[in-house]
Amino acid sequence: MQCSKCGADLPDGAKFCHVCGAEQEAQAGSGKGKRGGRVGYSEKIHDPAFQKYLKNTNRWSSIFAAGLAVIAVAGFFIAGETGAGGMENPESLYIGFGIGGMFLAIAFFQILGRKRSTTWDGVVTDRTVKQKRRKQNTGGDKNDFYWVNYTEYTVEIRSDGGKTHRIVVDDDATLYNYYQVGDRVRHHGGLKTYEKYDKSRDSIIFCNACATKCDIGDDVCFRCGCPLLK
């Protein structure tokens, strides 16, 4: 079959074009009553549990970063006072402040990134599997290492605005198998997670808050308690 909008060649029965994203069937947004009613983007995304989860995530990120910053400052101060490693204050203390500031900056940009992320729709355009290897240091000299083989699974998503996004996971094909080329997806701002439009053939579903894999028959995530978007 061919796309009704751009004319691209599509597999028979395709619901969306993997090139332009156009819907190929006259199908209602919610899809209720069709194949179990798990077709469409869930309105449960507006549940207050998600905002609470985001608030708690940002709070704990700040607390964790602040704790690491205090430990860094205190540790380098003590090292400078005792002369450990040839360090002396105030130089050692300055290093502690620098490292502590780095932890705080990382948390700040993580929180800012979540707040600035937007909601957008897109389509899965490609899936790839690559065999790779990386260096693994043994903990001694920097030249003392060995090679570790791993498998990289990538799912490529193109937004309706034309920007390409990738989900990359090492040594775990679960997400790779969950998405198929042509699947319509929605990226939820703040959460920075994806929701599939058509979940009618799925046996699992990923929590859009904590990303835990759940059974499609569950209503809430067993780990964080947020509603599952189905």
C-alpha atoms as a PDB file:
ATOM      1  CA  MET A   1       0.000   0.000   0.000  1.00  0.00           C
ATOM      2  CA  GLN A   2       0.985   3.640  -0.395  1.00  0.00           C
ATOM      3  CA  CYS A   3       0.699   6.589   1.960  1.00  0.00           C
ATOM      4  CA  SER A   4      -2.445   8.578   1.260  1.00  0.00           C
ATOM      5  CA  LYS A   5      -0.526  11.813   1.882  1.00  0.00           C
ATOM      6  CA  CYS A   6       3.028  11.499   0.547  1.00  0.00           C
ATOM      7  CA  GLY A   7       2.787   8.332  -1.568  1.00  0.00           C
ATOM      8  CA  ALA A   8       5.536   6.432   0.266  1.00  0.00           C
ATOM      9  CA  ASP A   9       5.463   2.638   0.077  1.00  0.00           C
ATOM     10  CA  LEU A  10       4.053   1.139   3.281  1.00  0.00           C
ATOM     11  CA  PRO A  11       3.422  -2.387   4.568  1.00  0.00           C
ATOM     12  CA  ASP A  12      -0.138  -3.571   4.050  1.00  0.00           C
ATOM     13  CA  GLY A  13      -2.338  -2.571   6.966  1.00  0.00           C
ATOM     14  CA  ALA A  14      -0.011   0.184   8.164  1.00  0.00           C
ATOM     15  CA  LYS A  15      -1.813   2.734  10.324  1.00  0.00           C
ATOM     16  CA  PHE A  16       0.741   5.522   9.978  1.00  0.00           C
ATOM     17  CA  CYS A  17       3.302   6.505   7.386  1.00  0.00           C
ATOM     18  CA  HIS A  18       6.872   6.055   8.618  1.00  0.00           C
ATOM     19  CA  VAL A  19       7.978   8.896   6.303  1.00  0.00           C
ATOM     20  CA  CYS A  20       5.502  11.716   6.934  1.00  0.00           C
ATOM     21  CA  GLY A  21       3.578  10.297   9.904  1.00  0.00           C
ATOM     22  CA  ALA A  22       0.149  10.682   8.285  1.00  0.00           C
ATOM     23  CA  GLU A  23      -2.632   8.449   9.618  1.00  0.00           C
ATOM     24  CA  GLN A  24      -3.754   5.868   7.075  1.00  0.00           C
ATOM     25  CA  GLU A  25      -7.094   4.918   8.607  1.00  0.00           C
ATOM     26  CA  ALA A  26     -10.096   6.945   9.677  1.00  0.00           C
ATOM     27  CA  GLN A  27      -9.526   6.105  13.306  1.00  0.00           C
ATOM     28  CA  ALA A  28     -10.768   8.092  16.284  1.00  0.00           C
ATOM     29  CA  GLY A  29      -8.232   9.515  18.684  1.00  0.00           C
ATOM     30  CA  SER A  30      -9.237   7.452  21.666  1.00  0.00           C
ATOM     31  CA  GLY A  31      -9.850   4.208  19.810  1.00  0.00           C
ATOM     32  CA  LYS A  32     -12.299   3.001  22.437  1.00  0.00           C
ATOM     33  CA  GLY A  33     -14.017  -0.217  21.574  1.00  0.00           C
ATOM     34  CA  LYS A  34     -11.307  -1.389  19.169  1.00  0.00           C
ATOM     35  CA  ARG A  35      -9.018  -4.282  20.152  1.00  0.00           C
ATOM     36  CA  GLY A  36      -9.492  -3.739  23.868  1.00  0.00           C
ATOM     37  CA  GLY A  37      -9.654   0.043  23.682  1.00  0.00           C
ATOM     38  CA  ARG A  38      -5.886   0.540  24.049  1.00  0.00           C
ATOM     39  CA  VAL A  39      -5.595   2.762  20.990  1.00  0.00           C
ATOM     40  CA  GLY A  40      -4.974   6.464  21.548  1.00  0.00           C
ATOM     41  CA  TYR A  41      -3.052   8.695  23.933  1.00  0.00           C
ATOM     42  CA  SER A  42      -4.262   8.391  27.508  1.00  0.00           C
ATOM     43  CA  GLU A  43      -5.863  11.297  29.345  1.00  0.00           C
ATOM     44  CA  LYS A  44      -4.391   9.864  32.543  1.00  0.00           C
ATOM     45  CA  ILE A  45      -1.277  11.915  31.827  1.00  0.00           C
ATOM     46  CA  HIS A  46      -3.097  14.770  33.592  1.00  0.00           C
ATOM     47  CA  ASP A  47      -3.354  12.783  36.831  1.00  0.00           C
ATOM     48  CA  PRO A  48      -1.856  14.769  39.778  1.00  0.00           C
ATOM     49  CA  ALA A  49       0.353  11.760  40.567  1.00  0.00           C
ATOM     50  CA  PHE A  50       2.680  12.698  37.705  1.00  0.00           C
ATOM     51  CA  GLN A  51       3.186  16.252  38.943  1.00  0.00           C
ATOM     52  CA  LYS A  52       3.830  14.904  42.429  1.00  0.00           C
ATOM     53  CA  TYR A  53       6.376  12.459  41.039  1.00  0.00           C
ATOM     54  CA  LEU A  54       8.194  15.237  39.163  1.00  0.00           C
ATOM     55  CA  LYS A  55       8.217  17.469  42.237  1.00  0.00           C
ATOM     56  CA  ASN A  56       9.659  14.682  44.383  1.00  0.00           C
ATOM     57  CA  THR A  57      12.244  13.798  41.717  1.00  0.00           C
ATOM     58  CA  ASN A  58      13.500  17.387  41.540  1.00  0.00           C
ATOM     59  CA  ARG A  59      13.565  17.668  45.319  1.00  0.00           C
ATOM     60  CA  TRP A  60      15.567  14.485  45.816  1.00  0.00           C
ATOM     61  CA  SER A  61      17.972  15.455  43.027  1.00  0.00           C
ATOM     62  CA  SER A  62      18.663  18.696  44.871  1.00  0.00           C
ATOM     63  CA  ILE A  63      19.076  16.983  48.251  1.00  0.00           C
ATOM     64  CA  PHE A  64      21.396  14.319  46.821  1.00  0.00           C
ATOM     65  CA  ALA A  65      23.547  16.915  45.036  1.00  0.00           C
ATOM     66  CA  ALA A  66      23.727  19.101  48.143  1.00  0.00           C
ATOM     67  CA  GLY A  67      24.804  16.103  50.225  1.00  0.00           C
ATOM     68  CA  LEU A  68      27.585  15.209  47.774  1.00  0.00           C
ATOM     69  CA  ALA A  69      28.705  18.851  47.726  1.00  0.00           C
ATOM     70  CA  VAL A  70      28.983  18.954  51.537  1.00  0.00           C
ATOM     71  CA  ILE A  71      30.923  15.681  51.571  1.00  0.00           C
ATOM     72  CA  ALA A  72      33.314  16.969  48.900  1.00  0.00           C
ATOM     73  CA  VAL A  73      34.001  20.235  50.716  1.00  0.00           C
ATOM     74  CA  ALA A  74      34.431  18.538  54.094  1.00  0.00           C
ATOM     75  CA  GLY A  75      36.599  15.768  52.667  1.00  0.00           C
ATOM     76  CA  PHE A  76      39.024  18.086  50.910  1.00  0.00           C
ATOM     77  CA  PHE A  77      39.170  20.392  53.920  1.00  0.00           C
ATOM     78  CA  ILE A  78      40.173  17.487  56.154  1.00  0.00           C
ATOM     79  CA  ALA A  79      42.679  16.318  53.542  1.00  0.00           C
ATOM     80  CA  GLY A  80      44.202  19.788  53.517  1.00  0.00           C
ATOM     81  CA  GLU A  81      44.382  19.940  57.313  1.00  0.00           C
ATOM     82  CA  THR A  82      46.021  16.519  57.623  1.00  0.00           C
ATOM     83  CA  GLY A  83      48.251  16.883  54.582  1.00  0.00           C
ATOM     84  CA  ALA A  84      46.834  13.755  52.931  1.00  0.00           C
ATOM     85  CA  GLY A  85      48.184  13.295  49.444  1.00  0.00           C
ATOM     86  CA  GLY A  86      50.415  16.314  49.867  1.00  0.00           C
ATOM     87  CA  MET A  87      47.408  18.669  49.977  1.00  0.00           C
ATOM     88  CA  GLU A  88      47.278  21.869  51.949  1.00  0.00           C
ATOM     89  CA  ASN A  89      44.573  24.388  52.730  1.00  0.00           C
ATOM     90  CA  PRO A  90      43.265  26.654  51.364  1.00  0.00           C
ATOM     91  CA  GLU A  91      44.120  25.058  47.979  1.00  0.00           C
ATOM     92  CA  SER A  92      42.568  21.744  49.004  1.00  0.00           C
ATOM     93  CA  LEU A  93      39.435  23.522  50.211  1.00  0.00           C
ATOM     94  CA  TYR A  94      39.126  25.342  46.889  1.00  0.00           C
ATOM     95  CA  ILE A  95      39.186  21.999  45.083  1.00  0.00           C
ATOM     96  CA  GLY A  96      36.405  20.776  47.375  1.00  0.00           C
ATOM     97  CA  PHE A  97      34.298  23.820  46.573  1.00  0.00           C
ATOM     98  CA  GLY A  98      34.907  23.269  42.867  1.00  0.00           C
ATOM     99  CA  ILE A  99      33.815  19.636  42.968  1.00  0.00           C
ATOM    100  CA  GLY A 100      30.851  20.458  45.213  1.00  0.00           C
ATOM    101  CA  GLY A 101      29.789  23.175  42.797  1.00  0.00           C
ATOM    102  CA  MET A 102      29.987  20.678  39.956  1.00  0.00           C
ATOM    103  CA  PHE A 103      27.535  18.335  41.732  1.00  0.00           C
ATOM    104  CA  LEU A 104      25.121  21.223  42.295  1.00  0.00           C
ATOM    105  CA  ALA A 105      25.438  22.369  38.680  1.00  0.00           C
ATOM    106  CA  ILE A 106      24.649  18.866  37.375  1.00  0.00           C
ATOM    107  CA  ALA A 107      21.485  18.692  39.497  1.00  0.00           C
ATOM    108  CA  PHE A 108      20.484  22.202  38.399  1.00  0.00           C
ATOM    109  CA  PHE A 109      20.769  21.391  34.704  1.00  0.00           C
ATOM    110  CA  GLN A 110      18.931  18.083  35.165  1.00  0.00           C
ATOM    111  CA  ILE A 111      16.008  19.903  36.787  1.00  0.00           C
ATOM    112  CA  LEU A 112      16.130  22.659  34.174  1.00  0.00           C
ATOM    113  CA  GLY A 113      16.146  20.076  31.388  1.00  0.00           C
ATOM    114  CA  ARG A 114      13.020  18.415  32.754  1.00  0.00           C
ATOM    115  CA  LYS A 115      11.233  21.752  33.055  1.00  0.00           C
ATOM    116  CA  ARG A 116      12.182  22.849  29.553  1.00  0.00           C
ATOM    117  CA  SER A 117      11.310  19.587  27.813  1.00  0.00           C
ATOM    118  CA  THR A 118       8.171  19.768  25.683  1.00  0.00           C
ATOM    119  CA  THR A 119       5.400  17.440  24.582  1.00  0.00           C
ATOM    120  CA  TRP A 120       5.483  16.440  20.931  1.00  0.00           C
ATOM    121  CA  ASP A 121       4.267  13.682  18.633  1.00  0.00           C
ATOM    122  CA  GLY A 122       6.356  11.596  16.274  1.00  0.00           C
ATOM    123  CA  VAL A 123       6.796   8.274  14.540  1.00  0.00           C
ATOM    124  CA  VAL A 124       9.317   5.424  14.880  1.00  0.00           C
ATOM    125  CA  THR A 125      11.382   5.520  11.690  1.00  0.00           C
ATOM    126  CA  ASP A 126      14.171   3.012  12.311  1.00  0.00           C
ATOM    127  CA  ARG A 127      15.531   0.335  14.648  1.00  0.00           C
ATOM    128  CA  THR A 128      19.141  -0.841  14.661  1.00  0.00           C
ATOM    129  CA  VAL A 129      21.256  -3.408  16.477  1.00  0.00           C
ATOM    130  CA  LYS A 130      25.031  -3.018  16.620  1.00  0.00           C
ATOM    131  CA  GLN A 131      27.731  -5.165  18.160  1.00  0.00           C
ATOM    132  CA  LYS A 132      30.256  -2.906  19.893  1.00  0.00           C
ATOM    133  CA  ARG A 133      33.055  -3.006  22.417  1.00  0.00           C
ATOM    134  CA  ARG A 134      34.454  -0.584  24.978  1.00  0.00           C
ATOM    135  CA  LYS A 135      37.437  -0.294  27.263  1.00  0.00           C
ATOM    136  CA  GLN A 136      37.037  -1.425  30.863  1.00  0.00           C
ATOM    137  CA  ASN A 137      39.704  -0.190  33.251  1.00  0.00           C
ATOM    138  CA  THR A 138      40.921  -2.707  35.813  1.00  0.00           C
ATOM    139  CA  GLY A 139      41.314  -0.017  38.468  1.00  0.00           C
ATOM    140  CA  GLY A 140      45.073   0.232  38.217  1.00  0.00           C
ATOM    141  CA  ASP A 141      47.107   2.189  35.686  1.00  0.00           C
ATOM    142  CA  LYS A 142      45.136   4.034  33.012  1.00  0.00           C
ATOM    143  CA  ASN A 143      46.736   1.798  30.383  1.00  0.00           C
ATOM    144  CA  ASP A 144      45.675  -1.333  32.241  1.00  0.00           C
ATOM    145  CA  PHE A 145      42.341  -2.238  30.646  1.00  0.00           C
ATOM    146  CA  TYR A 146      40.479  -4.933  28.764  1.00  0.00           C
ATOM    147  CA  TRP A 147      37.804  -4.894  26.069  1.00  0.00           C
ATOM    148  CA  VAL A 148      34.159  -5.638  26.852  1.00  0.00           C
ATOM    149  CA  ASN A 149      31.758  -6.639  24.075  1.00  0.00           C
ATOM    150  CA  TYR A 150      28.172  -5.373  24.213  1.00  0.00           C
ATOM    151  CA  THR A 151      25.090  -5.003  22.018  1.00  0.00           C
ATOM    152  CA  GLU A 152      23.657  -1.549  21.361  1.00  0.00           C
ATOM    153  CA  TYR A 153      19.927  -1.345  20.605  1.00  0.00           C
ATOM    154  CA  THR A 154      18.671   1.912  19.058  1.00  0.00           C
ATOM    155  CA  VAL A 155      15.146   3.094  18.305  1.00  0.00           C
ATOM    156  CA  GLU A 156      14.970   6.191  16.106  1.00  0.00           C
ATOM    157  CA  ILE A 157      11.988   8.531  16.409  1.00  0.00           C
ATOM    158  CA  ARG A 158      11.290  11.496  14.173  1.00  0.00           C
ATOM    159  CA  SER A 159       9.074  14.234  15.567  1.00  0.00           C
ATOM    160  CA  ASP A 160       6.365  15.791  13.441  1.00  0.00           C
ATOM    161  CA  GLY A 161       8.580  18.875  13.468  1.00  0.00           C
ATOM    162  CA  GLY A 162      11.305  16.933  11.654  1.00  0.00           C
ATOM    163  CA  LYS A 163      13.793  16.439  14.505  1.00  0.00           C
ATOM    164  CA  THR A 164      15.316  13.004  15.056  1.00  0.00           C
ATOM    165  CA  HIS A 165      15.497  11.506  18.557  1.00  0.00           C
ATOM    166  CA  ARG A 166      17.058   8.223  19.629  1.00  0.00           C
ATOM    167  CA  ILE A 167      16.491   5.765  22.450  1.00  0.00           C
ATOM    168  CA  VAL A 168      19.737   3.833  23.013  1.00  0.00           C
ATOM    169  CA  VAL A 169      20.014   0.877  25.404  1.00  0.00           C
ATOM    170  CA  ASP A 170      22.929  -1.515  25.924  1.00  0.00           C
ATOM    171  CA  ASP A 171      22.452  -5.275  26.268  1.00  0.00           C
ATOM    172  CA  ASP A 172      18.667  -5.090  26.719  1.00  0.00           C
ATOM    173  CA  ALA A 173      16.332  -5.601  23.757  1.00  0.00           C
ATOM    174  CA  THR A 174      13.103  -4.946  25.686  1.00  0.00           C
ATOM    175  CA  LEU A 175      12.523  -1.389  24.409  1.00  0.00           C
ATOM    176  CA  TYR A 176      13.816  -2.353  20.979  1.00  0.00           C
ATOM    177  CA  ASN A 177      11.176  -5.077  20.716  1.00  0.00           C
ATOM    178  CA  TYR A 178       8.463  -2.862  22.217  1.00  0.00           C
ATOM    179  CA  TYR A 179       8.620  -0.346  19.368  1.00  0.00           C
ATOM    180  CA  GLN A 180       8.087  -1.122  15.692  1.00  0.00           C
ATOM    181  CA  VAL A 181       8.802   1.032  12.657  1.00  0.00           C
ATOM    182  CA  GLY A 182       5.662   3.039  11.920  1.00  0.00           C
ATOM    183  CA  ASP A 183       4.494   3.269  15.545  1.00  0.00           C
ATOM    184  CA  ARG A 184       3.104   6.676  16.468  1.00  0.00           C
ATOM    185  CA  VAL A 185       4.455   7.926  19.798  1.00  0.00           C
ATOM    186  CA  ARG A 186       4.090  10.954  22.038  1.00  0.00           C
ATOM    187  CA  HIS A 187       6.957  12.419  24.044  1.00  0.00           C
ATOM    188  CA  HIS A 188       5.667  13.815  27.338  1.00  0.00           C
ATOM    189  CA  GLY A 189       7.404  16.987  28.492  1.00  0.00           C
ATOM    190  CA  GLY A 190       8.759  17.018  32.018  1.00  0.00           C
ATOM    191  CA  LEU A 191       8.711  13.252  32.265  1.00  0.00           C
ATOM    192  CA  LYS A 192      10.836  12.942  29.111  1.00  0.00           C
ATOM    193  CA  THR A 193       9.271   9.569  28.309  1.00  0.00           C
ATOM    194  CA  TYR A 194       7.368   8.140  25.344  1.00  0.00           C
ATOM    195  CA  GLU A 195       3.826   6.798  25.048  1.00  0.00           C
ATOM    196  CA  LYS A 196       2.752   4.566  22.166  1.00  0.00           C
ATOM    197  CA  TYR A 197      -0.459   5.476  20.378  1.00  0.00           C
ATOM    198  CA  ASP A 198      -1.499   1.864  19.690  1.00  0.00           C
ATOM    199  CA  LYS A 199      -0.986  -0.495  22.639  1.00  0.00           C
ATOM    200  CA  SER A 200      -3.705  -2.937  21.637  1.00  0.00           C
ATOM    201  CA  ARG A 201      -1.301  -5.775  20.788  1.00  0.00           C
ATOM    202  CA  ASP A 202       1.050  -5.260  23.729  1.00  0.00           C
ATOM    203  CA  SER A 203       1.453  -7.490  26.769  1.00  0.00           C
ATOM    204  CA  ILE A 204       3.664  -5.015  28.643  1.00  0.00           C
ATOM    205  CA  ILE A 205       3.681  -1.272  29.204  1.00  0.00           C
ATOM    206  CA  PHE A 206       6.330   1.086  30.562  1.00  0.00           C
ATOM    207  CA  CYS A 207       5.518   3.520  33.340  1.00  0.00           C
ATOM    208  CA  ASN A 208       5.824   7.051  31.998  1.00  0.00           C
ATOM    209  CA  ALA A 209       7.105   8.287  35.349  1.00  0.00           C
ATOM    210  CA  CYS A 210       9.797   5.831  36.497  1.00  0.00           C
ATOM    211  CA  ALA A 211      10.084   3.716  33.289  1.00  0.00           C
ATOM    212  CA  THR A 212       9.353   0.452  35.131  1.00  0.00           C
ATOM    213  CA  LYS A 213       8.115  -2.380  32.910  1.00  0.00           C
ATOM    214  CA  CYS A 214       4.597  -3.396  33.975  1.00  0.00           C
ATOM    215  CA  ASP A 215       1.942  -5.827  32.822  1.00  0.00           C
ATOM    216  CA  ILE A 216      -0.539  -4.301  30.368  1.00  0.00           C
ATOM    217  CA  GLY A 217      -3.371  -5.429  32.634  1.00  0.00           C
ATOM    218  CA  ASP A 218      -2.186  -3.295  35.547  1.00  0.00           C
ATOM    219  CA  ASP A 219      -3.728   0.116  36.157  1.00  0.00           C
ATOM    220  CA  VAL A 220      -0.900   1.692  38.140  1.00  0.00           C
ATOM    221  CA  CYS A 221       2.862   1.196  38.315  1.00  0.00           C
ATOM    222  CA  PHE A 222       3.764  -1.198  41.118  1.00  0.00           C
ATOM    223  CA  ARG A 223       6.941   0.771  41.827  1.00  0.00           C
ATOM    224  CA  CYS A 224       5.929   4.454  41.898  1.00  0.00           C
ATOM    225  CA  GLY A 225       2.118   4.244  41.983  1.00  0.00           C
ATOM    226  CA  CYS A 226       1.567   6.505  38.950  1.00  0.00           C
ATOM    227  CA  PRO A 227      -1.230   5.581  36.502  1.00  0.00           C
ATOM    228  CA  LEU A 228      -0.202   3.568  33.459  1.00  0.00           C
ATOM    229  CA  LEU A 229      -1.022   5.367  30.209  1.00  0.00           C
ATOM    230  CA  LYS A 230      -3.168   2.883  28.308  1.00  0.00           C
END
